Every structure is written in C-alpha cells, then in structure tokens.
PDB file of all heavy atoms in Angstrom:
ATOM      1  N   LEU A   1      40.004 -13.126  33.835  1.00  0.00           N
ATOM      2  CA  LEU A   1      40.462 -12.237  34.903  1.00  0.00           C
ATOM      3  C   LEU A   1      40.902 -10.890  34.315  1.00  0.00           C
ATOM      4  O   LEU A   1      40.599  -9.824  34.865  1.00  0.00           O
ATOM      5  CB  LEU A   1      41.634 -12.906  35.641  1.00  0.00           C
ATOM      6  CG  LEU A   1      41.843 -12.563  37.113  1.00  0.00           C
ATOM      7  CD1 LEU A   1      40.604 -12.873  37.932  1.00  0.00           C
ATOM      8  CD2 LEU A   1      43.045 -13.326  37.661  1.00  0.00           C
ATOM      9  N   ARG A   2      41.590 -10.965  33.183  1.00  0.00           N
ATOM     10  CA  ARG A   2      42.027  -9.736  32.512  1.00  0.00           C
ATOM     11  C   ARG A   2      40.815  -8.903  32.064  1.00  0.00           C
ATOM     12  O   ARG A   2      40.772  -7.683  32.269  1.00  0.00           O
ATOM     13  CB  ARG A   2      42.903 -10.063  31.304  1.00  0.00           C
ATOM     14  CG  ARG A   2      43.442  -8.821  30.604  1.00  0.00           C
ATOM     15  CD  ARG A   2      44.231  -9.165  29.352  1.00  0.00           C
ATOM     16  NE  ARG A   2      44.912  -7.976  28.849  1.00  0.00           N
ATOM     17  CZ  ARG A   2      44.343  -7.037  28.096  1.00  0.00           C
ATOM     18  NH1 ARG A   2      43.060  -7.155  27.743  1.00  0.00           N
ATOM     19  NH2 ARG A   2      45.038  -5.987  27.696  1.00  0.00           N
ATOM     20  N   THR A   3      39.839  -9.568  31.470  1.00  0.00           N
ATOM     21  CA  THR A   3      38.641  -8.877  30.988  1.00  0.00           C
ATOM     22  C   THR A   3      37.935  -8.150  32.126  1.00  0.00           C
ATOM     23  O   THR A   3      37.522  -6.983  31.998  1.00  0.00           O
ATOM     24  CB  THR A   3      37.682  -9.874  30.319  1.00  0.00           C
ATOM     25  OG1 THR A   3      38.349 -10.482  29.204  1.00  0.00           O
ATOM     26  CG2 THR A   3      36.418  -9.190  29.846  1.00  0.00           C
ATOM     27  N   LYS A   4      37.802  -8.829  33.261  1.00  0.00           N
ATOM     28  CA  LYS A   4      37.107  -8.250  34.419  1.00  0.00           C
ATOM     29  C   LYS A   4      37.823  -6.994  34.914  1.00  0.00           C
ATOM     30  O   LYS A   4      37.189  -5.947  35.145  1.00  0.00           O
ATOM     31  CB  LYS A   4      37.047  -9.295  35.552  1.00  0.00           C
ATOM     32  CG  LYS A   4      36.356  -8.826  36.828  1.00  0.00           C
ATOM     33  CD  LYS A   4      36.388  -9.924  37.880  1.00  0.00           C
ATOM     34  CE  LYS A   4      35.676  -9.505  39.156  1.00  0.00           C
ATOM     35  NZ  LYS A   4      34.209  -9.456  38.989  1.00  0.00           N
ATOM     36  N   HIS A   5      39.134  -7.083  35.055  1.00  0.00           N
ATOM     37  CA  HIS A   5      39.873  -5.957  35.623  1.00  0.00           C
ATOM     38  C   HIS A   5      40.067  -4.828  34.612  1.00  0.00           C
ATOM     39  O   HIS A   5      40.020  -3.643  34.982  1.00  0.00           O
ATOM     40  CB  HIS A   5      41.214  -6.449  36.181  1.00  0.00           C
ATOM     41  CG  HIS A   5      41.079  -7.255  37.438  1.00  0.00           C
ATOM     42  ND1 HIS A   5      40.807  -8.606  37.428  1.00  0.00           N
ATOM     43  CD2 HIS A   5      41.121  -6.887  38.749  1.00  0.00           C
ATOM     44  CE1 HIS A   5      40.710  -9.041  38.677  1.00  0.00           C
ATOM     45  NE2 HIS A   5      40.902  -8.019  39.495  1.00  0.00           N
ATOM     46  N   MET A   6      40.268  -5.169  33.348  1.00  0.00           N
ATOM     47  CA  MET A   6      40.425  -4.116  32.341  1.00  0.00           C
ATOM     48  C   MET A   6      39.118  -3.350  32.119  1.00  0.00           C
ATOM     49  O   MET A   6      39.128  -2.143  31.874  1.00  0.00           O
ATOM     50  CB  MET A   6      40.920  -4.719  31.024  1.00  0.00           C
ATOM     51  CG  MET A   6      42.361  -5.230  31.074  1.00  0.00           C
ATOM     52  SD  MET A   6      43.569  -3.944  31.506  1.00  0.00           S
ATOM     53  CE  MET A   6      43.434  -2.875  30.074  1.00  0.00           C
ATOM     54  N   LYS A   7      38.005  -4.040  32.234  1.00  0.00           N
ATOM     55  CA  LYS A   7      36.704  -3.368  32.117  1.00  0.00           C
ATOM     56  C   LYS A   7      36.557  -2.306  33.214  1.00  0.00           C
ATOM     57  O   LYS A   7      36.118  -1.164  32.961  1.00  0.00           O
ATOM     58  CB  LYS A   7      35.578  -4.398  32.206  1.00  0.00           C
ATOM     59  CG  LYS A   7      34.187  -3.791  32.130  1.00  0.00           C
ATOM     60  CD  LYS A   7      33.108  -4.876  32.262  1.00  0.00           C
ATOM     61  CE  LYS A   7      31.711  -4.252  32.239  1.00  0.00           C
ATOM     62  NZ  LYS A   7      30.653  -5.297  32.402  1.00  0.00           N
ATOM     63  N   ALA A   8      36.909  -2.683  34.442  1.00  0.00           N
ATOM     64  CA  ALA A   8      36.836  -1.732  35.554  1.00  0.00           C
ATOM     65  C   ALA A   8      37.825  -0.587  35.350  1.00  0.00           C
ATOM     66  O   ALA A   8      37.500   0.585  35.592  1.00  0.00           O
ATOM     67  CB  ALA A   8      37.105  -2.450  36.873  1.00  0.00           C
ATOM     68  N   LEU A   9      39.041  -0.917  34.896  1.00  0.00           N
ATOM     69  CA  LEU A   9      40.061   0.108  34.688  1.00  0.00           C
ATOM     70  C   LEU A   9      39.618   1.123  33.640  1.00  0.00           C
ATOM     71  O   LEU A   9      39.778   2.338  33.825  1.00  0.00           O
ATOM     72  CB  LEU A   9      41.376  -0.557  34.269  1.00  0.00           C
ATOM     73  CG  LEU A   9      42.541   0.389  33.955  1.00  0.00           C
ATOM     74  CD1 LEU A   9      42.932   1.192  35.192  1.00  0.00           C
ATOM     75  CD2 LEU A   9      43.743  -0.401  33.428  1.00  0.00           C
ATOM     76  N   ARG A  10      39.064   0.650  32.534  1.00  0.00           N
ATOM     77  CA  ARG A  10      38.616   1.571  31.476  1.00  0.00           C
ATOM     78  C   ARG A  10      37.533   2.517  31.984  1.00  0.00           C
ATOM     79  O   ARG A  10      37.465   3.682  31.575  1.00  0.00           O
ATOM     80  CB  ARG A  10      38.081   0.772  30.286  1.00  0.00           C
ATOM     81  CG  ARG A  10      39.158   0.036  29.500  1.00  0.00           C
ATOM     82  CD  ARG A  10      38.595  -0.555  28.215  1.00  0.00           C
ATOM     83  NE  ARG A  10      39.577  -1.426  27.585  1.00  0.00           N
ATOM     84  CZ  ARG A  10      39.605  -2.748  27.736  1.00  0.00           C
ATOM     85  NH1 ARG A  10      38.665  -3.348  28.476  1.00  0.00           N
ATOM     86  NH2 ARG A  10      40.534  -3.466  27.134  1.00  0.00           N
ATOM     87  N   ALA A  11      36.695   2.020  32.869  1.00  0.00           N
ATOM     88  CA  ALA A  11      35.588   2.844  33.367  1.00  0.00           C
ATOM     89  C   ALA A  11      36.052   3.910  34.360  1.00  0.00           C
ATOM     90  O   ALA A  11      35.542   5.034  34.353  1.00  0.00           O
ATOM     91  CB  ALA A  11      34.537   1.949  34.014  1.00  0.00           C
ATOM     92  N   VAL A  12      37.018   3.553  35.225  1.00  0.00           N
ATOM     93  CA  VAL A  12      37.379   4.480  36.313  1.00  0.00           C
ATOM     94  C   VAL A  12      38.642   5.277  36.034  1.00  0.00           C
ATOM     95  O   VAL A  12      38.886   6.303  36.683  1.00  0.00           O
ATOM     96  CB  VAL A  12      37.544   3.719  37.657  1.00  0.00           C
ATOM     97  CG1 VAL A  12      36.234   3.065  38.071  1.00  0.00           C
ATOM     98  CG2 VAL A  12      38.674   2.692  37.593  1.00  0.00           C
ATOM     99  N   ALA A  13      39.460   4.838  35.080  1.00  0.00           N
ATOM    100  CA  ALA A  13      40.705   5.555  34.782  1.00  0.00           C
ATOM    101  C   ALA A  13      41.021   5.453  33.294  1.00  0.00           C
ATOM    102  O   ALA A  13      42.031   4.863  32.896  1.00  0.00           O
ATOM    103  CB  ALA A  13      41.853   4.999  35.624  1.00  0.00           C
ATOM    104  N   PRO A  14      40.171   6.012  32.427  1.00  0.00           N
ATOM    105  CA  PRO A  14      40.341   5.826  30.982  1.00  0.00           C
ATOM    106  C   PRO A  14      41.665   6.354  30.437  1.00  0.00           C
ATOM    107  O   PRO A  14      42.203   5.807  29.480  1.00  0.00           O
ATOM    108  CB  PRO A  14      39.144   6.586  30.384  1.00  0.00           C
ATOM    109  CG  PRO A  14      38.655   7.484  31.477  1.00  0.00           C
ATOM    110  CD  PRO A  14      38.959   6.793  32.748  1.00  0.00           C
ATOM    111  N   SER A  15      42.220   7.390  31.052  1.00  0.00           N
ATOM    112  CA  SER A  15      43.473   7.950  30.534  1.00  0.00           C
ATOM    113  C   SER A  15      44.695   7.142  30.952  1.00  0.00           C
ATOM    114  O   SER A  15      45.809   7.422  30.504  1.00  0.00           O
ATOM    115  CB  SER A  15      43.638   9.401  30.995  1.00  0.00           C
ATOM    116  OG  SER A  15      43.924   9.462  32.381  1.00  0.00           O
ATOM    117  N   ARG A  16      44.491   6.148  31.813  1.00  0.00           N
ATOM    118  CA  ARG A  16      45.611   5.356  32.330  1.00  0.00           C
ATOM    119  C   ARG A  16      45.534   3.881  31.917  1.00  0.00           C
ATOM    120  O   ARG A  16      46.216   3.035  32.480  1.00  0.00           O
ATOM    121  CB  ARG A  16      45.668   5.477  33.856  1.00  0.00           C
ATOM    122  CG  ARG A  16      46.155   6.852  34.291  1.00  0.00           C
ATOM    123  CD  ARG A  16      45.894   7.131  35.755  1.00  0.00           C
ATOM    124  NE  ARG A  16      46.599   8.334  36.160  1.00  0.00           N
ATOM    125  CZ  ARG A  16      46.221   9.577  35.885  1.00  0.00           C
ATOM    126  NH1 ARG A  16      45.107   9.788  35.189  1.00  0.00           N
ATOM    127  NH2 ARG A  16      46.937  10.613  36.276  1.00  0.00           N
ATOM    128  N   VAL A  17      44.694   3.602  30.918  1.00  0.00           N
ATOM    129  CA  VAL A  17      44.492   2.216  30.500  1.00  0.00           C
ATOM    130  C   VAL A  17      45.785   1.606  29.973  1.00  0.00           C
ATOM    131  O   VAL A  17      46.156   0.477  30.344  1.00  0.00           O
ATOM    132  CB  VAL A  17      43.367   2.130  29.436  1.00  0.00           C
ATOM    133  CG1 VAL A  17      43.350   0.747  28.800  1.00  0.00           C
ATOM    134  CG2 VAL A  17      42.015   2.429  30.071  1.00  0.00           C
ATOM    135  N   ASP A  18      46.502   2.325  29.133  1.00  0.00           N
ATOM    136  CA  ASP A  18      47.723   1.761  28.559  1.00  0.00           C
ATOM    137  C   ASP A  18      48.792   1.527  29.622  1.00  0.00           C
ATOM    138  O   ASP A  18      49.392   0.445  29.696  1.00  0.00           O
ATOM    139  CB  ASP A  18      48.278   2.683  27.467  1.00  0.00           C
ATOM    140  CG  ASP A  18      47.391   2.719  26.222  1.00  0.00           C
ATOM    141  OD1 ASP A  18      46.559   1.792  26.076  1.00  0.00           O
ATOM    142  OD2 ASP A  18      47.517   3.662  25.431  1.00  0.00           O
ATOM    143  N   GLU A  19      49.007   2.532  30.464  1.00  0.00           N
ATOM    144  CA  GLU A  19      50.056   2.459  31.480  1.00  0.00           C
ATOM    145  C   GLU A  19      49.772   1.359  32.508  1.00  0.00           C
ATOM    146  O   GLU A  19      50.605   0.482  32.760  1.00  0.00           O
ATOM    147  CB  GLU A  19      50.186   3.816  32.180  1.00  0.00           C
ATOM    148  CG  GLU A  19      51.152   3.841  33.351  1.00  0.00           C
ATOM    149  CD  GLU A  19      51.018   5.106  34.188  1.00  0.00           C
ATOM    150  OE1 GLU A  19      50.263   6.021  33.787  1.00  0.00           O
ATOM    151  OE2 GLU A  19      51.667   5.165  35.241  1.00  0.00           O
ATOM    152  N   VAL A  20      48.589   1.409  33.112  1.00  0.00           N
ATOM    153  CA  VAL A  20      48.257   0.443  34.167  1.00  0.00           C
ATOM    154  C   VAL A  20      47.927  -0.918  33.555  1.00  0.00           C
ATOM    155  O   VAL A  20      48.244  -1.963  34.130  1.00  0.00           O
ATOM    156  CB  VAL A  20      47.089   0.974  35.028  1.00  0.00           C
ATOM    157  CG1 VAL A  20      46.706  -0.040  36.116  1.00  0.00           C
ATOM    158  CG2 VAL A  20      47.474   2.307  35.664  1.00  0.00           C
ATOM    159  N   GLY A  21      47.311  -0.907  32.374  1.00  0.00           N
ATOM    160  CA  GLY A  21      47.012  -2.166  31.701  1.00  0.00           C
ATOM    161  C   GLY A  21      48.252  -2.982  31.424  1.00  0.00           C
ATOM    162  O   GLY A  21      48.238  -4.219  31.490  1.00  0.00           O
ATOM    163  N   ALA A  22      49.377  -2.302  31.122  1.00  0.00           N
ATOM    164  CA  ALA A  22      50.640  -3.017  30.888  1.00  0.00           C
ATOM    165  C   ALA A  22      51.117  -3.728  32.154  1.00  0.00           C
ATOM    166  O   ALA A  22      51.641  -4.855  32.092  1.00  0.00           O
ATOM    167  CB  ALA A  22      51.711  -2.033  30.397  1.00  0.00           C
ATOM    168  N   VAL A  23      50.918  -3.091  33.310  1.00  0.00           N
ATOM    169  CA  VAL A  23      51.307  -3.717  34.583  1.00  0.00           C
ATOM    170  C   VAL A  23      50.399  -4.907  34.880  1.00  0.00           C
ATOM    171  O   VAL A  23      50.857  -5.961  35.328  1.00  0.00           O
ATOM    172  CB  VAL A  23      51.262  -2.694  35.734  1.00  0.00           C
ATOM    173  CG1 VAL A  23      51.705  -3.346  37.046  1.00  0.00           C
ATOM    174  CG2 VAL A  23      52.137  -1.487  35.425  1.00  0.00           C
ATOM    175  N   ILE A  24      49.104  -4.742  34.623  1.00  0.00           N
ATOM    176  CA  ILE A  24      48.167  -5.852  34.811  1.00  0.00           C
ATOM    177  C   ILE A  24      48.561  -7.032  33.928  1.00  0.00           C
ATOM    178  O   ILE A  24      48.590  -8.192  34.378  1.00  0.00           O
ATOM    179  CB  ILE A  24      46.724  -5.390  34.510  1.00  0.00           C
ATOM    180  CG1 ILE A  24      46.236  -4.436  35.611  1.00  0.00           C
ATOM    181  CG2 ILE A  24      45.780  -6.595  34.374  1.00  0.00           C
ATOM    182  CD1 ILE A  24      44.878  -3.828  35.346  1.00  0.00           C
ATOM    183  N   ASP A  25      48.894  -6.758  32.661  1.00  0.00           N
ATOM    184  CA  ASP A  25      49.276  -7.836  31.749  1.00  0.00           C
ATOM    185  C   ASP A  25      50.544  -8.546  32.211  1.00  0.00           C
ATOM    186  O   ASP A  25      50.652  -9.771  32.110  1.00  0.00           O
ATOM    187  CB  ASP A  25      49.488  -7.275  30.337  1.00  0.00           C
ATOM    188  CG  ASP A  25      48.167  -7.001  29.632  1.00  0.00           C
ATOM    189  OD1 ASP A  25      47.141  -7.586  30.046  1.00  0.00           O
ATOM    190  OD2 ASP A  25      48.158  -6.210  28.666  1.00  0.00           O
ATOM    191  N   GLU A  26      51.497  -7.780  32.728  1.00  0.00           N
ATOM    192  CA  GLU A  26      52.735  -8.389  33.226  1.00  0.00           C
ATOM    193  C   GLU A  26      52.438  -9.319  34.402  1.00  0.00           C
ATOM    194  O   GLU A  26      52.972 -10.433  34.489  1.00  0.00           O
ATOM    195  CB  GLU A  26      53.715  -7.302  33.649  1.00  0.00           C
ATOM    196  CG  GLU A  26      55.040  -7.858  34.177  1.00  0.00           C
ATOM    197  CD  GLU A  26      55.955  -6.771  34.729  1.00  0.00           C
ATOM    198  OE1 GLU A  26      55.550  -5.593  34.719  1.00  0.00           O
ATOM    199  OE2 GLU A  26      57.053  -7.112  35.186  1.00  0.00           O
ATOM    200  N   ARG A  27      51.576  -8.870  35.308  1.00  0.00           N
ATOM    201  CA  ARG A  27      51.252  -9.693  36.478  1.00  0.00           C
ATOM    202  C   ARG A  27      50.466 -10.944  36.070  1.00  0.00           C
ATOM    203  O   ARG A  27      50.680 -12.030  36.609  1.00  0.00           O
ATOM    204  CB  ARG A  27      50.493  -8.859  37.509  1.00  0.00           C
ATOM    205  CG  ARG A  27      51.365  -7.768  38.087  1.00  0.00           C
ATOM    206  CD  ARG A  27      50.765  -7.025  39.263  1.00  0.00           C
ATOM    207  NE  ARG A  27      51.741  -6.063  39.760  1.00  0.00           N
ATOM    208  CZ  ARG A  27      51.551  -5.252  40.796  1.00  0.00           C
ATOM    209  NH1 ARG A  27      50.398  -5.280  41.462  1.00  0.00           N
ATOM    210  NH2 ARG A  27      52.505  -4.409  41.175  1.00  0.00           N
ATOM    211  N   LEU A  28      49.567 -10.796  35.121  1.00  0.00           N
ATOM    212  CA  LEU A  28      48.800 -11.957  34.665  1.00  0.00           C
ATOM    213  C   LEU A  28      49.688 -12.945  33.909  1.00  0.00           C
ATOM    214  O   LEU A  28      49.454 -14.160  33.961  1.00  0.00           O
ATOM    215  CB  LEU A  28      47.634 -11.495  33.794  1.00  0.00           C
ATOM    216  CG  LEU A  28      46.499 -10.784  34.540  1.00  0.00           C
ATOM    217  CD1 LEU A  28      45.457 -10.271  33.557  1.00  0.00           C
ATOM    218  CD2 LEU A  28      45.862 -11.692  35.578  1.00  0.00           C
ATOM    219  N   TRP A  29      50.691 -12.448  33.213  1.00  0.00           N
ATOM    220  CA  TRP A  29      51.661 -13.322  32.546  1.00  0.00           C
ATOM    221  C   TRP A  29      52.375 -14.199  33.574  1.00  0.00           C
ATOM    222  O   TRP A  29      52.553 -15.403  33.375  1.00  0.00           O
ATOM    223  CB  TRP A  29      52.657 -12.465  31.765  1.00  0.00           C
ATOM    224  CG  TRP A  29      53.712 -13.251  31.032  1.00  0.00           C
ATOM    225  CD1 TRP A  29      53.612 -13.852  29.821  1.00  0.00           C
ATOM    226  CD2 TRP A  29      55.049 -13.499  31.495  1.00  0.00           C
ATOM    227  NE1 TRP A  29      54.801 -14.481  29.483  1.00  0.00           N
ATOM    228  CE2 TRP A  29      55.693 -14.276  30.500  1.00  0.00           C
ATOM    229  CE3 TRP A  29      55.759 -13.149  32.651  1.00  0.00           C
ATOM    230  CZ2 TRP A  29      57.021 -14.706  30.627  1.00  0.00           C
ATOM    231  CZ3 TRP A  29      57.072 -13.577  32.776  1.00  0.00           C
ATOM    232  CH2 TRP A  29      57.693 -14.345  31.774  1.00  0.00           C
ATOM    233  N   LYS A  30      52.779 -13.593  34.692  1.00  0.00           N
ATOM    234  CA  LYS A  30      53.437 -14.352  35.759  1.00  0.00           C
ATOM    235  C   LYS A  30      52.470 -15.357  36.382  1.00  0.00           C
ATOM    236  O   LYS A  30      52.860 -16.491  36.705  1.00  0.00           O
ATOM    237  CB  LYS A  30      53.974 -13.401  36.826  1.00  0.00           C
ATOM    238  CG  LYS A  30      55.140 -12.546  36.351  1.00  0.00           C
ATOM    239  CD  LYS A  30      55.617 -11.612  37.456  1.00  0.00           C
ATOM    240  CE  LYS A  30      56.794 -10.763  36.984  1.00  0.00           C
ATOM    241  NZ  LYS A  30      57.256  -9.823  38.032  1.00  0.00           N
ATOM    242  N   LEU A  31      51.213 -14.947  36.561  1.00  0.00           N
ATOM    243  CA  LEU A  31      50.211 -15.856  37.114  1.00  0.00           C
ATOM    244  C   LEU A  31      50.006 -17.053  36.192  1.00  0.00           C
ATOM    245  O   LEU A  31      49.939 -18.211  36.652  1.00  0.00           O
ATOM    246  CB  LEU A  31      48.889 -15.114  37.321  1.00  0.00           C
ATOM    247  CG  LEU A  31      47.695 -15.955  37.793  1.00  0.00           C
ATOM    248  CD1 LEU A  31      47.976 -16.580  39.154  1.00  0.00           C
ATOM    249  CD2 LEU A  31      46.424 -15.105  37.839  1.00  0.00           C
ATOM    250  N   ASP A  32      49.910 -16.802  34.897  1.00  0.00           N
ATOM    251  CA  ASP A  32      49.762 -17.881  33.915  1.00  0.00           C
ATOM    252  C   ASP A  32      50.917 -18.870  34.022  1.00  0.00           C
ATOM    253  O   ASP A  32      50.718 -20.099  34.017  1.00  0.00           O
ATOM    254  CB  ASP A  32      49.705 -17.275  32.516  1.00  0.00           C
ATOM    255  CG  ASP A  32      49.386 -18.304  31.444  1.00  0.00           C
ATOM    256  OD1 ASP A  32      50.181 -19.258  31.274  1.00  0.00           O
ATOM    257  OD2 ASP A  32      48.351 -18.160  30.768  1.00  0.00           O
ATOM    258  N   HIS A  33      52.135 -18.359  34.162  1.00  0.00           N
ATOM    259  CA  HIS A  33      53.308 -19.234  34.216  1.00  0.00           C
ATOM    260  C   HIS A  33      53.342 -20.078  35.483  1.00  0.00           C
ATOM    261  O   HIS A  33      53.676 -21.263  35.427  1.00  0.00           O
ATOM    262  CB  HIS A  33      54.588 -18.398  34.094  1.00  0.00           C
ATOM    263  CG  HIS A  33      54.969 -18.109  32.682  1.00  0.00           C
ATOM    264  ND1 HIS A  33      54.166 -17.379  31.829  1.00  0.00           N
ATOM    265  CD2 HIS A  33      56.049 -18.482  31.940  1.00  0.00           C
ATOM    266  CE1 HIS A  33      54.745 -17.293  30.642  1.00  0.00           C
ATOM    267  NE2 HIS A  33      55.885 -17.955  30.676  1.00  0.00           N
ATOM    268  N   ILE A  34      52.985 -19.510  36.629  1.00  0.00           N
ATOM    269  CA  ILE A  34      53.020 -20.308  37.855  1.00  0.00           C
ATOM    270  C   ILE A  34      51.916 -21.362  37.838  1.00  0.00           C
ATOM    271  O   ILE A  34      52.124 -22.505  38.266  1.00  0.00           O
ATOM    272  CB  ILE A  34      52.925 -19.415  39.120  1.00  0.00           C
ATOM    273  CG1 ILE A  34      53.106 -20.251  40.392  1.00  0.00           C
ATOM    274  CG2 ILE A  34      51.615 -18.659  39.199  1.00  0.00           C
ATOM    275  CD1 ILE A  34      54.447 -20.844  40.581  1.00  0.00           C
TER     276      ILE A  34
END
C-alpha cells in the first residue's frame, strides 16, 4: 500500500515527498497496528 501511494506521490508532487510521505507513513503505522 505504501509503495502504491508513494509512487503516485513522487510523480505528482516530487517536492513534497518528505513532508507528505511522513504523514502517509504515520497513517500506515496506525493501520498496521489495528
């Protein structure tokens, strides 16, 4: 799921990968735990 969304993010918002990617990782961490 991370790979799919990060691939799209890198393509459409390359300058925001670190910022938005951190939020994606936080949400996926919560998903993994539940």
